[in-house]
Amino acid sequence: MRWENLTDSDHARAADAGLFGADAVVTRTFDTPEFAGVTFHEVRARSILNRVPGASRMPFEWTVNPYRGCTHACVYCFARKTHSYLDLDTGLDFDSQIVVKVNAPELLRRQLASRRWQGEHVAMGTNVDCYQRAEGRYRLMPGIVEALTDRANPFSILTKGTLILRDLDLLTRAARVTDVGISVSVGFTDPELWRTVEPGTPAPERRLEVVRALGERGIGCGVLMAPVIPFLGDQPAQLRATVRAIAAAGATSVTPLVLHLRPGAREWFMAWLGRHHPHLIRRYERLYADGAYAPKWYQRRITRQVHDLAREYGIGPTRAGMPRRIAEPEHSRPAEAPPTEPVQLSLI
């Protein structure tokens, strides 16, 4: 395993120094049902604040990723390619060989205290989920949230994990001193689709319970409706059911993102499609013939349908680049213009 190639960017560059050496790695397995077949590689990282490449579509510049690999095992996960930098495969290894940066909280605290740090927004959950099952054992996020809170540093979290509710008191405290944005990812509510494409995640209805619980504590929570999966989750009745459930959970916004298939994820997803829906192979090859993203006409169609449904059910889409924030008192917020079509982000 090429630990020395793990750099401070998920886009490895030859000139970068490794974040840790092989002598810093401890490999563990746990004899518990929830971690059956999973190997954890505990590392002491040298850096935890990652700068997003300038050419990225992301609406933020800095991320924190305490884990690499993810037991959510989503067959479409765009982050699968990053495991190849460690000489691990982007399929089963990504789901079961989890890198844990055990010193992430203390390292983040030290980096935030640096004179060079300007207090920029920090996004979490944009590569792999920081509230995946491993977080229940390693408990890295409380220290990370506390470090950001103590510096009043703005941050956001995107998750499919219900474990975020464990840290509800910490997030509430953070929202009193800085901008905090929480988004939950729910691309569909179809139970059969969920079981096959997101086998390690909490069920969609449980994720929507997170949205409801956050709202009850005064923490506005948006929903990233991602991915909308062509030919499997994009029928009008499916979109309506999903948006209706999102609205019922009290989401402050809904932002649809169509499935994208980057190298690493593409091969794994297409192999899954061949096993479960072989009749769709040709249709996918045509739809994604020009690259990782579905055609603009298809993306616009889905966006328009979801936005129309959101208006019908009384919620709005998140504007492009708009942070998902803790709700402020009405008198402190100026009126906003109606939202426009969002930028196609690459979060899920």
Foldseek 3Di string as FASTA:
>chain_A
DPQQQDFLELVTDPPGGGQFDPVQWDKDADPDVLQVLAIEIEGAGNAFWHADDPPAPDLFGTEGEQKFAALLQQLQQPLLVSVVSVVDASHVCSNHYMYGNLCRLVRLLVVCPDPPDDLGEYEYLQRHAPQGPVCVVRVPVVSNLVSCQVSLRHYEHEHLAPCVVVCLVSVLSSQVRHWYAYEYEAQFQPQVVCCQRRVRGPHNLSSLLSQLVCVVVQFAYAYENPAQEPPPQQDLVGLLVVLLSNLVSPHQAYAYAYRFHAPSSNVSNLVSCCVPPVVCNVVVCVQQVPHGGGDPVVRVVSQVSNQVSCVVSPHHHDAASDGRGRDDPPVVDDDDDHHDHYDRHNRD
